[in-house]
Amino acid sequence: MHGAARGEASCLETSVNGPGTAVIIEDDADMRDLLEAVLRQSGFDVCSAADGRAGVELVRRQNANVVTLDVSLPDIDGFEVLRRIRSFSDAYVLMLTGRDEEGDVLMAFQGGADDYITKPFRHRELRARLTAVTRRPRSTGSTGSTGSTAGITASRGPMPSSTPAVSDDVVISHNGLELNHKTRTVMVHGRAVELTRSEFDLLHELLGAAGKICSTKHLVRVLRKEYSRDDTSVYQFDERAVQAHVGNLRRKLGDSAQWPHWVETVRGMGYRLAPARPHPRDKAR
């Protein structure tokens, strides 16, 4: 692994019973060594590549479970690498970069990244984020949905941070939106909407909360699958990631922050399901 050069790749096996294969796409040799140590300690077989094209092929060839991806690479940037990986792989992708501009964060999550970590970072933080990310289900949202349930009425009061607010209904309907959590599909006025894992989980939580306020910290723990762990650290960057996911979710649903039909911002507190109201399309009919 230490000898990986530009355009080349190397692998190092840890154990046959580990959590799978992790691929590091990073052109800095010292950072590759650090990431190798962290991932090996977590039980992964580790492979690395020093540029984007070699990294994409390594992810494909090794059927990677986890990918750490630098944004600034010598051949193609990390966002293009992410796009290519997402065309064939549902691996967990953690973007690791020194770039913390909001536009970069949004672009990463829009491209299907599971987390975005700025350099420098602590070893323990990386391991914690790796653990949190790999707890999420690997199935992705797809198209199509059937069935309906009664409408949801809004109510006030924050959600407790220790319990999930997921409804028992297979299909939850609200304001022309239908979510089927068995098939992980979403329809809006008959139109199929493809969501990432994180976007689907956030929408499912808000629908299940039936109008109660979900704090941003609670939603961070929803994405981590840590409903019952109030003692875990929630960083400011985690909350920014939730905000980015909500922004992407609204864009895909065709929702508006100013006149929301599904995701309403409660300033200083978090988010909740918007009250039932007619959609402009319905008024035009």
C-alpha atoms as a PDB file:
ATOM      1  CA  MET A   1       0.000   0.000   0.000  1.00  0.00           C
ATOM      2  CA  HIS A   2       2.753   2.452   0.922  1.00  0.00           C
ATOM      3  CA  GLY A   3       4.166   2.192  -2.572  1.00  0.00           C
ATOM      4  CA  ALA A   4       0.997   3.212  -4.412  1.00  0.00           C
ATOM      5  CA  ALA A   5       1.981   5.715  -7.072  1.00  0.00           C
ATOM      6  CA  ARG A   6      -0.049   7.846  -9.433  1.00  0.00           C
ATOM      7  CA  GLY A   7      -2.091   5.623 -11.711  1.00  0.00           C
ATOM      8  CA  GLU A   8      -1.341   2.555  -9.594  1.00  0.00           C
ATOM      9  CA  ALA A   9      -3.204   0.773  -6.827  1.00  0.00           C
ATOM     10  CA  SER A  10      -2.301  -1.570  -3.996  1.00  0.00           C
ATOM     11  CA  CYS A  11      -4.189  -3.704  -1.498  1.00  0.00           C
ATOM     12  CA  LEU A  12      -3.487  -5.146   1.933  1.00  0.00           C
ATOM     13  CA  GLU A  13      -5.692  -7.851   3.447  1.00  0.00           C
ATOM     14  CA  THR A  14      -6.492  -7.773   7.145  1.00  0.00           C
ATOM     15  CA  SER A  15      -8.754 -10.762   7.811  1.00  0.00           C
ATOM     16  CA  VAL A  16     -11.248 -12.970   6.008  1.00  0.00           C
ATOM     17  CA  ASN A  17     -14.004 -12.227   8.537  1.00  0.00           C
ATOM     18  CA  GLY A  18     -13.731  -8.434   8.612  1.00  0.00           C
ATOM     19  CA  PRO A  19     -16.389  -5.914   7.563  1.00  0.00           C
ATOM     20  CA  GLY A  20     -15.226  -5.930   3.953  1.00  0.00           C
ATOM     21  CA  THR A  21     -12.951  -3.897   1.724  1.00  0.00           C
ATOM     22  CA  ALA A  22     -12.184  -0.200   2.075  1.00  0.00           C
ATOM     23  CA  VAL A  23     -10.685   1.768  -0.807  1.00  0.00           C
ATOM     24  CA  ILE A  24      -8.646   4.920  -0.163  1.00  0.00           C
ATOM     25  CA  ILE A  25      -8.443   7.414  -3.044  1.00  0.00           C
ATOM     26  CA  GLU A  26      -5.839   9.936  -1.934  1.00  0.00           C
ATOM     27  CA  ASP A  27      -2.750  11.372  -3.639  1.00  0.00           C
ATOM     28  CA  ASP A  28      -0.916  12.330  -0.424  1.00  0.00           C
ATOM     29  CA  ALA A  29       1.194   9.383   0.785  1.00  0.00           C
ATOM     30  CA  ASP A  30       1.202  10.444   4.444  1.00  0.00           C
ATOM     31  CA  MET A  31      -2.589  10.771   4.470  1.00  0.00           C
ATOM     32  CA  ARG A  32      -2.923   7.363   2.810  1.00  0.00           C
ATOM     33  CA  ASP A  33      -0.774   5.844   5.566  1.00  0.00           C
ATOM     34  CA  LEU A  34      -2.959   7.454   8.234  1.00  0.00           C
ATOM     35  CA  LEU A  35      -6.186   6.281   6.606  1.00  0.00           C
ATOM     36  CA  GLU A  36      -4.761   2.799   6.144  1.00  0.00           C
ATOM     37  CA  ALA A  37      -4.026   2.566   9.873  1.00  0.00           C
ATOM     38  CA  VAL A  38      -7.513   3.718  10.884  1.00  0.00           C
ATOM     39  CA  LEU A  39      -9.295   1.400   8.449  1.00  0.00           C
ATOM     40  CA  ARG A  40      -7.154  -1.617   9.312  1.00  0.00           C
ATOM     41  CA  GLN A  41      -7.858  -1.018  13.024  1.00  0.00           C
ATOM     42  CA  SER A  42     -11.547  -1.146  12.093  1.00  0.00           C
ATOM     43  CA  GLY A  43     -11.029  -4.568  10.495  1.00  0.00           C
ATOM     44  CA  PHE A  44     -11.179  -3.672   6.805  1.00  0.00           C
ATOM     45  CA  ASP A  45      -9.085  -5.090   4.012  1.00  0.00           C
ATOM     46  CA  VAL A  46      -7.533  -1.914   2.630  1.00  0.00           C
ATOM     47  CA  CYS A  47      -6.754  -0.898  -0.948  1.00  0.00           C
ATOM     48  CA  SER A  48      -5.479   2.468  -2.131  1.00  0.00           C
ATOM     49  CA  ALA A  49      -5.100   4.514  -5.273  1.00  0.00           C
ATOM     50  CA  ALA A  50      -3.267   7.790  -5.796  1.00  0.00           C
ATOM     51  CA  ASP A  51      -5.544   9.241  -8.480  1.00  0.00           C
ATOM     52  CA  GLY A  52      -9.195   9.267  -9.421  1.00  0.00           C
ATOM     53  CA  ARG A  53      -9.294   6.992 -12.450  1.00  0.00           C
ATOM     54  CA  ALA A  54      -7.318   4.247 -10.706  1.00  0.00           C
ATOM     55  CA  GLY A  55      -9.544   4.670  -7.666  1.00  0.00           C
ATOM     56  CA  VAL A  56     -12.754   4.186  -9.648  1.00  0.00           C
ATOM     57  CA  GLU A  57     -11.442   0.978 -11.175  1.00  0.00           C
ATOM     58  CA  LEU A  58     -10.258  -0.235  -7.772  1.00  0.00           C
ATOM     59  CA  VAL A  59     -13.720   0.323  -6.265  1.00  0.00           C
ATOM     60  CA  ARG A  60     -15.230  -1.608  -9.170  1.00  0.00           C
ATOM     61  CA  ARG A  61     -12.723  -4.452  -9.093  1.00  0.00           C
ATOM     62  CA  GLN A  62     -12.716  -4.896  -5.312  1.00  0.00           C
ATOM     63  CA  ASN A  63     -16.497  -4.406  -4.880  1.00  0.00           C
ATOM     64  CA  ALA A  64     -15.658  -1.964  -2.087  1.00  0.00           C
ATOM     65  CA  ASN A  65     -17.826  -1.563   0.997  1.00  0.00           C
ATOM     66  CA  VAL A  66     -16.309   1.778   2.066  1.00  0.00           C
ATOM     67  CA  VAL A  67     -14.502   4.486   0.094  1.00  0.00           C
ATOM     68  CA  THR A  68     -12.565   7.462   1.456  1.00  0.00           C
ATOM     69  CA  LEU A  69     -12.236  10.058  -1.269  1.00  0.00           C
ATOM     70  CA  ASP A  70     -10.149  13.209  -1.498  1.00  0.00           C
ATOM     71  CA  VAL A  71     -11.610  16.080  -3.505  1.00  0.00           C
ATOM     72  CA  SER A  72      -8.350  17.444  -4.926  1.00  0.00           C
ATOM     73  CA  LEU A  73      -6.816  14.696  -7.059  1.00  0.00           C
ATOM     74  CA  PRO A  74      -4.152  14.991  -9.786  1.00  0.00           C
ATOM     75  CA  ASP A  75      -6.287  13.777 -12.713  1.00  0.00           C
ATOM     76  CA  ILE A  76     -10.039  14.204 -12.114  1.00  0.00           C
ATOM     77  CA  ASP A  77     -11.576  15.841  -9.063  1.00  0.00           C
ATOM     78  CA  GLY A  78     -13.305  13.925  -6.304  1.00  0.00           C
ATOM     79  CA  PHE A  79     -16.796  15.016  -7.356  1.00  0.00           C
ATOM     80  CA  GLU A  80     -16.340  13.401 -10.769  1.00  0.00           C
ATOM     81  CA  VAL A  81     -14.885  10.307  -9.076  1.00  0.00           C
ATOM     82  CA  LEU A  82     -17.958  10.190  -6.830  1.00  0.00           C
ATOM     83  CA  ARG A  83     -20.280  10.472  -9.831  1.00  0.00           C
ATOM     84  CA  ARG A  84     -18.546   7.566 -11.559  1.00  0.00           C
ATOM     85  CA  ILE A  85     -18.571   5.415  -8.427  1.00  0.00           C
ATOM     86  CA  ARG A  86     -22.272   6.050  -7.882  1.00  0.00           C
ATOM     87  CA  SER A  87     -23.006   4.826 -11.418  1.00  0.00           C
ATOM     88  CA  PHE A  88     -22.236   1.252 -10.317  1.00  0.00           C
ATOM     89  CA  SER A  89     -21.642   1.093  -6.550  1.00  0.00           C
ATOM     90  CA  ASP A  90     -23.603   1.653  -3.333  1.00  0.00           C
ATOM     91  CA  ALA A  91     -20.447   1.728  -1.209  1.00  0.00           C
ATOM     92  CA  TYR A  92     -20.348   4.108   1.729  1.00  0.00           C
ATOM     93  CA  VAL A  93     -18.365   7.136   0.545  1.00  0.00           C
ATOM     94  CA  LEU A  94     -16.671   9.526   2.956  1.00  0.00           C
ATOM     95  CA  MET A  95     -15.286  12.664   1.329  1.00  0.00           C
ATOM     96  CA  LEU A  96     -12.088  13.781   3.090  1.00  0.00           C
ATOM     97  CA  THR A  97     -10.880  17.227   2.072  1.00  0.00           C
ATOM     98  CA  GLY A  98      -9.431  20.512   3.176  1.00  0.00           C
ATOM     99  CA  ARG A  99     -12.195  22.372   1.324  1.00  0.00           C
ATOM    100  CA  ASP A 100     -15.071  23.414   3.597  1.00  0.00           C
ATOM    101  CA  GLU A 101     -16.995  25.838   1.370  1.00  0.00           C
ATOM    102  CA  GLU A 102     -20.761  25.321   1.526  1.00  0.00           C
ATOM    103  CA  GLY A 103     -20.944  24.782  -2.232  1.00  0.00           C
ATOM    104  CA  ASP A 104     -18.510  21.866  -2.002  1.00  0.00           C
ATOM    105  CA  VAL A 105     -20.486  20.293   0.841  1.00  0.00           C
ATOM    106  CA  LEU A 106     -23.733  20.568  -1.099  1.00  0.00           C
ATOM    107  CA  MET A 107     -22.131  19.178  -4.250  1.00  0.00           C
ATOM    108  CA  ALA A 108     -20.813  16.176  -2.312  1.00  0.00           C
ATOM    109  CA  PHE A 109     -24.168  15.271  -0.812  1.00  0.00           C
ATOM    110  CA  GLN A 110     -25.982  15.904  -4.086  1.00  0.00           C
ATOM    111  CA  GLY A 111     -23.554  13.479  -5.693  1.00  0.00           C
ATOM    112  CA  GLY A 112     -24.356  10.761  -3.166  1.00  0.00           C
ATOM    113  CA  ALA A 113     -21.629  11.086  -0.506  1.00  0.00           C
ATOM    114  CA  ASP A 114     -22.510   9.638   2.899  1.00  0.00           C
ATOM    115  CA  ASP A 115     -20.298  12.031   4.863  1.00  0.00           C
ATOM    116  CA  TYR A 116     -17.997  14.990   4.287  1.00  0.00           C
ATOM    117  CA  ILE A 117     -15.062  15.425   6.661  1.00  0.00           C
ATOM    118  CA  THR A 118     -12.688  18.377   6.548  1.00  0.00           C
ATOM    119  CA  LYS A 119      -8.966  18.062   7.125  1.00  0.00           C
ATOM    120  CA  PRO A 120      -7.309  18.072   9.572  1.00  0.00           C
ATOM    121  CA  PHE A 121      -9.405  15.652  11.613  1.00  0.00           C
ATOM    122  CA  ARG A 122      -8.826  13.528  14.710  1.00  0.00           C
ATOM    123  CA  HIS A 123      -8.365   9.775  14.350  1.00  0.00           C
ATOM    124  CA  ARG A 124     -11.170   9.136  16.848  1.00  0.00           C
ATOM    125  CA  GLU A 125     -13.551  11.401  14.940  1.00  0.00           C
ATOM    126  CA  LEU A 126     -12.869   9.530  11.705  1.00  0.00           C
ATOM    127  CA  ARG A 127     -13.467   6.161  13.383  1.00  0.00           C
ATOM    128  CA  ALA A 128     -16.692   7.459  14.971  1.00  0.00           C
ATOM    129  CA  ARG A 129     -17.968   8.784  11.656  1.00  0.00           C
ATOM    130  CA  LEU A 130     -16.997   5.555   9.905  1.00  0.00           C
ATOM    131  CA  THR A 131     -18.928   3.554  12.498  1.00  0.00           C
ATOM    132  CA  ALA A 132     -21.947   5.853  12.193  1.00  0.00           C
ATOM    133  CA  VAL A 133     -22.009   5.770   8.396  1.00  0.00           C
ATOM    134  CA  THR A 134     -21.752   1.988   8.121  1.00  0.00           C
ATOM    135  CA  ARG A 135     -24.738   1.527  10.447  1.00  0.00           C
ATOM    136  CA  ARG A 136     -27.021   2.972   7.786  1.00  0.00           C
ATOM    137  CA  PRO A 137     -28.927   0.536   5.546  1.00  0.00           C
ATOM    138  CA  ARG A 138     -27.266   0.030   2.171  1.00  0.00           C
ATOM    139  CA  SER A 139     -30.484  -0.113   0.132  1.00  0.00           C
ATOM    140  CA  THR A 140     -31.196   3.027  -1.875  1.00  0.00           C
ATOM    141  CA  GLY A 141     -34.457   4.663  -2.849  1.00  0.00           C
ATOM    142  CA  SER A 142     -35.981   3.588  -6.143  1.00  0.00           C
ATOM    143  CA  THR A 143     -39.025   4.468  -8.157  1.00  0.00           C
ATOM    144  CA  GLY A 144     -42.617   3.433  -7.758  1.00  0.00           C
ATOM    145  CA  SER A 145     -45.044   3.243  -4.823  1.00  0.00           C
ATOM    146  CA  THR A 146     -48.462   1.908  -4.022  1.00  0.00           C
ATOM    147  CA  GLY A 147     -51.092   2.312  -1.370  1.00  0.00           C
ATOM    148  CA  SER A 148     -52.217   5.233   0.790  1.00  0.00           C
ATOM    149  CA  THR A 149     -53.028   6.155   4.366  1.00  0.00           C
ATOM    150  CA  ALA A 150     -54.981   8.879   6.072  1.00  0.00           C
ATOM    151  CA  GLY A 151     -53.565  12.415   6.043  1.00  0.00           C
ATOM    152  CA  ILE A 152     -51.256  13.580   8.843  1.00  0.00           C
ATOM    153  CA  THR A 153     -52.179  16.475  11.092  1.00  0.00           C
ATOM    154  CA  ALA A 154     -49.514  18.814  12.451  1.00  0.00           C
ATOM    155  CA  SER A 155     -48.872  19.229  16.176  1.00  0.00           C
ATOM    156  CA  ARG A 156     -46.335  21.214  18.180  1.00  0.00           C
ATOM    157  CA  GLY A 157     -43.587  20.161  20.550  1.00  0.00           C
ATOM    158  CA  PRO A 158     -40.039  18.888  19.973  1.00  0.00           C
ATOM    159  CA  MET A 159     -39.319  15.224  19.376  1.00  0.00           C
ATOM    160  CA  PRO A 160     -37.385  13.507  22.186  1.00  0.00           C
ATOM    161  CA  SER A 161     -33.836  12.936  20.981  1.00  0.00           C
ATOM    162  CA  SER A 162     -33.662   9.326  22.177  1.00  0.00           C
ATOM    163  CA  THR A 163     -36.418   7.625  20.166  1.00  0.00           C
ATOM    164  CA  PRO A 164     -37.262   7.300  16.469  1.00  0.00           C
ATOM    165  CA  ALA A 165     -40.529   8.782  15.265  1.00  0.00           C
ATOM    166  CA  VAL A 166     -41.174   6.324  12.458  1.00  0.00           C
ATOM    167  CA  SER A 167     -44.786   5.432  11.690  1.00  0.00           C
ATOM    168  CA  ASP A 168     -45.897   1.788  11.626  1.00  0.00           C
ATOM    169  CA  ASP A 169     -47.762   2.400   8.355  1.00  0.00           C
ATOM    170  CA  VAL A 170     -46.172   0.831   5.300  1.00  0.00           C
ATOM    171  CA  VAL A 171     -47.215   3.833   3.195  1.00  0.00           C
ATOM    172  CA  ILE A 172     -47.432   7.351   4.621  1.00  0.00           C
ATOM    173  CA  SER A 173     -49.280   9.993   2.607  1.00  0.00           C
ATOM    174  CA  HIS A 174     -49.241  13.757   3.067  1.00  0.00           C
ATOM    175  CA  ASN A 175     -50.028  16.679   0.741  1.00  0.00           C
ATOM    176  CA  GLY A 176     -49.783  14.541  -2.397  1.00  0.00           C
ATOM    177  CA  LEU A 177     -46.606  12.750  -1.301  1.00  0.00           C
ATOM    178  CA  GLU A 178     -46.517   8.994  -0.683  1.00  0.00           C
ATOM    179  CA  LEU A 179     -43.610   7.242   1.042  1.00  0.00           C
ATOM    180  CA  ASN A 180     -43.390   3.450   1.180  1.00  0.00           C
ATOM    181  CA  HIS A 181     -40.793   2.472   3.762  1.00  0.00           C
ATOM    182  CA  LYS A 182     -40.895  -1.230   2.838  1.00  0.00           C
ATOM    183  CA  THR A 183     -39.805  -0.572  -0.739  1.00  0.00           C
ATOM    184  CA  ARG A 184     -38.056   2.711   0.166  1.00  0.00           C
ATOM    185  CA  THR A 185     -39.878   4.558  -2.599  1.00  0.00           C
ATOM    186  CA  VAL A 186     -41.354   8.057  -2.783  1.00  0.00           C
ATOM    187  CA  MET A 187     -44.013   9.460  -5.114  1.00  0.00           C
ATOM    188  CA  VAL A 188     -45.063  13.130  -5.409  1.00  0.00           C
ATOM    189  CA  HIS A 189     -48.355  13.658  -7.266  1.00  0.00           C
ATOM    190  CA  GLY A 190     -47.733  10.404  -9.120  1.00  0.00           C
ATOM    191  CA  ARG A 191     -44.121  11.263  -9.990  1.00  0.00           C
ATOM    192  CA  ALA A 192     -41.397   8.944  -8.720  1.00  0.00           C
ATOM    193  CA  VAL A 193     -38.631  10.730  -6.795  1.00  0.00           C
ATOM    194  CA  GLU A 194     -35.243   9.108  -6.283  1.00  0.00           C
ATOM    195  CA  LEU A 195     -33.640   9.930  -2.933  1.00  0.00           C
ATOM    196  CA  THR A 196     -30.353   9.026  -1.320  1.00  0.00           C
ATOM    197  CA  ARG A 197     -30.336   6.920   1.854  1.00  0.00           C
ATOM    198  CA  SER A 198     -29.949   9.992   4.038  1.00  0.00           C
ATOM    199  CA  GLU A 199     -32.675  11.992   2.281  1.00  0.00           C
ATOM    200  CA  PHE A 200     -35.110   9.080   2.511  1.00  0.00           C
ATOM    201  CA  ASP A 201     -34.380   8.501   6.216  1.00  0.00           C
ATOM    202  CA  LEU A 202     -34.884  12.190   7.039  1.00  0.00           C
ATOM    203  CA  LEU A 203     -38.178  12.347   5.140  1.00  0.00           C
ATOM    204  CA  HIS A 204     -39.363   9.113   6.762  1.00  0.00           C
ATOM    205  CA  GLU A 205     -38.566  10.500  10.211  1.00  0.00           C
ATOM    206  CA  LEU A 206     -40.367  13.786   9.601  1.00  0.00           C
ATOM    207  CA  LEU A 207     -43.447  12.045   8.206  1.00  0.00           C
ATOM    208  CA  GLY A 208     -43.509   9.639  11.144  1.00  0.00           C
ATOM    209  CA  ALA A 209     -43.241  12.531  13.614  1.00  0.00           C
ATOM    210  CA  ALA A 210     -46.608  13.779  12.280  1.00  0.00           C
ATOM    211  CA  GLY A 211     -45.849  17.484  12.688  1.00  0.00           C
ATOM    212  CA  LYS A 212     -43.824  17.383  15.892  1.00  0.00           C
ATOM    213  CA  ILE A 213     -40.537  19.256  15.783  1.00  0.00           C
ATOM    214  CA  CYS A 214     -37.428  17.155  15.156  1.00  0.00           C
ATOM    215  CA  SER A 215     -34.303  18.931  16.365  1.00  0.00           C
ATOM    216  CA  THR A 216     -31.305  19.007  14.071  1.00  0.00           C
ATOM    217  CA  LYS A 217     -29.314  17.024  16.663  1.00  0.00           C
ATOM    218  CA  HIS A 218     -32.050  14.382  16.689  1.00  0.00           C
ATOM    219  CA  LEU A 219     -31.902  14.141  12.905  1.00  0.00           C
ATOM    220  CA  VAL A 220     -28.116  13.729  13.057  1.00  0.00           C
ATOM    221  CA  ARG A 221     -28.674  10.722  15.320  1.00  0.00           C
ATOM    222  CA  VAL A 222     -31.380   9.409  13.000  1.00  0.00           C
ATOM    223  CA  LEU A 223     -28.838   9.298  10.183  1.00  0.00           C
ATOM    224  CA  ARG A 224     -26.341   7.608  12.501  1.00  0.00           C
ATOM    225  CA  LYS A 225     -28.936   5.093  13.727  1.00  0.00           C
ATOM    226  CA  GLU A 226     -28.161   6.238  17.286  1.00  0.00           C
ATOM    227  CA  TYR A 227     -31.686   6.955  18.543  1.00  0.00           C
ATOM    228  CA  SER A 228     -30.978   5.892  22.132  1.00  0.00           C
ATOM    229  CA  ARG A 229     -27.554   7.501  22.539  1.00  0.00           C
ATOM    230  CA  ASP A 230     -27.919  11.057  23.796  1.00  0.00           C
ATOM    231  CA  ASP A 231     -24.299  11.026  24.987  1.00  0.00           C
ATOM    232  CA  THR A 232     -22.729  10.863  21.520  1.00  0.00           C
ATOM    233  CA  SER A 233     -21.095  14.021  20.231  1.00  0.00           C
ATOM    234  CA  VAL A 234     -22.898  16.012  17.562  1.00  0.00           C
ATOM    235  CA  TYR A 235     -20.589  18.435  15.816  1.00  0.00           C
ATOM    236  CA  GLN A 236     -21.543  21.665  14.101  1.00  0.00           C
ATOM    237  CA  PHE A 237     -20.502  20.072  10.847  1.00  0.00           C
ATOM    238  CA  ASP A 238     -22.965  17.206  11.447  1.00  0.00           C
ATOM    239  CA  GLU A 239     -25.762  19.754  11.748  1.00  0.00           C
ATOM    240  CA  ARG A 240     -24.614  21.492   8.561  1.00  0.00           C
ATOM    241  CA  ALA A 241     -24.734  18.118   6.819  1.00  0.00           C
ATOM    242  CA  VAL A 242     -28.381  17.680   7.888  1.00  0.00           C
ATOM    243  CA  GLN A 243     -29.145  21.157   6.540  1.00  0.00           C
ATOM    244  CA  ALA A 244     -27.528  20.199   3.236  1.00  0.00           C
ATOM    245  CA  HIS A 245     -29.546  16.971   3.064  1.00  0.00           C
ATOM    246  CA  VAL A 246     -32.760  18.890   3.774  1.00  0.00           C
ATOM    247  CA  GLY A 247     -31.890  21.365   1.016  1.00  0.00           C
ATOM    248  CA  ASN A 248     -31.342  18.511  -1.437  1.00  0.00           C
ATOM    249  CA  LEU A 249     -34.549  16.821  -0.306  1.00  0.00           C
ATOM    250  CA  ARG A 250     -36.588  19.974  -0.892  1.00  0.00           C
ATOM    251  CA  ARG A 251     -35.064  20.433  -4.327  1.00  0.00           C
ATOM    252  CA  LYS A 252     -35.916  16.881  -5.397  1.00  0.00           C
ATOM    253  CA  LEU A 253     -39.459  17.082  -4.030  1.00  0.00           C
ATOM    254  CA  GLY A 254     -40.038  20.483  -5.606  1.00  0.00           C
ATOM    255  CA  ASP A 255     -40.662  21.966  -2.151  1.00  0.00           C
ATOM    256  CA  SER A 256     -40.123  25.540  -1.004  1.00  0.00           C
ATOM    257  CA  ALA A 257     -38.605  26.733   2.281  1.00  0.00           C
ATOM    258  CA  GLN A 258     -40.795  29.867   2.097  1.00  0.00           C
ATOM    259  CA  TRP A 259     -44.067  27.998   1.396  1.00  0.00           C
ATOM    260  CA  PRO A 260     -43.378  24.396   2.387  1.00  0.00           C
ATOM    261  CA  HIS A 261     -45.662  21.484   1.615  1.00  0.00           C
ATOM    262  CA  TRP A 262     -43.559  18.793   3.261  1.00  0.00           C
ATOM    263  CA  VAL A 263     -40.494  20.044   5.161  1.00  0.00           C
ATOM    264  CA  GLU A 264     -40.940  23.122   7.328  1.00  0.00           C
ATOM    265  CA  THR A 265     -38.056  24.881   9.100  1.00  0.00           C
ATOM    266  CA  VAL A 266     -38.650  25.857  12.732  1.00  0.00           C
ATOM    267  CA  ARG A 267     -36.078  28.572  13.276  1.00  0.00           C
ATOM    268  CA  GLY A 268     -33.663  27.819  16.090  1.00  0.00           C
ATOM    269  CA  MET A 269     -35.189  24.390  16.755  1.00  0.00           C
ATOM    270  CA  GLY A 270     -35.133  22.100  13.721  1.00  0.00           C
ATOM    271  CA  TYR A 271     -37.664  20.806  11.217  1.00  0.00           C
ATOM    272  CA  ARG A 272     -41.168  19.390  11.117  1.00  0.00           C
ATOM    273  CA  LEU A 273     -43.747  18.197   8.633  1.00  0.00           C
ATOM    274  CA  ALA A 274     -45.616  21.112   7.064  1.00  0.00           C
ATOM    275  CA  PRO A 275     -49.344  21.347   7.801  1.00  0.00           C
ATOM    276  CA  ALA A 276     -51.812  19.867   5.351  1.00  0.00           C
ATOM    277  CA  ARG A 277     -52.621  22.422   2.673  1.00  0.00           C
ATOM    278  CA  PRO A 278     -53.670  22.332  -0.990  1.00  0.00           C
ATOM    279  CA  HIS A 279     -50.814  22.272  -3.492  1.00  0.00           C
ATOM    280  CA  PRO A 280     -50.798  25.042  -6.158  1.00  0.00           C
ATOM    281  CA  ARG A 281     -51.307  22.318  -8.762  1.00  0.00           C
ATOM    282  CA  ASP A 282     -54.542  21.324  -7.062  1.00  0.00           C
ATOM    283  CA  LYS A 283     -55.777  24.941  -7.037  1.00  0.00           C
ATOM    284  CA  ALA A 284     -55.086  25.280 -10.753  1.00  0.00           C
ATOM    285  CA  ARG A 285     -57.287  22.314 -11.600  1.00  0.00           C
END
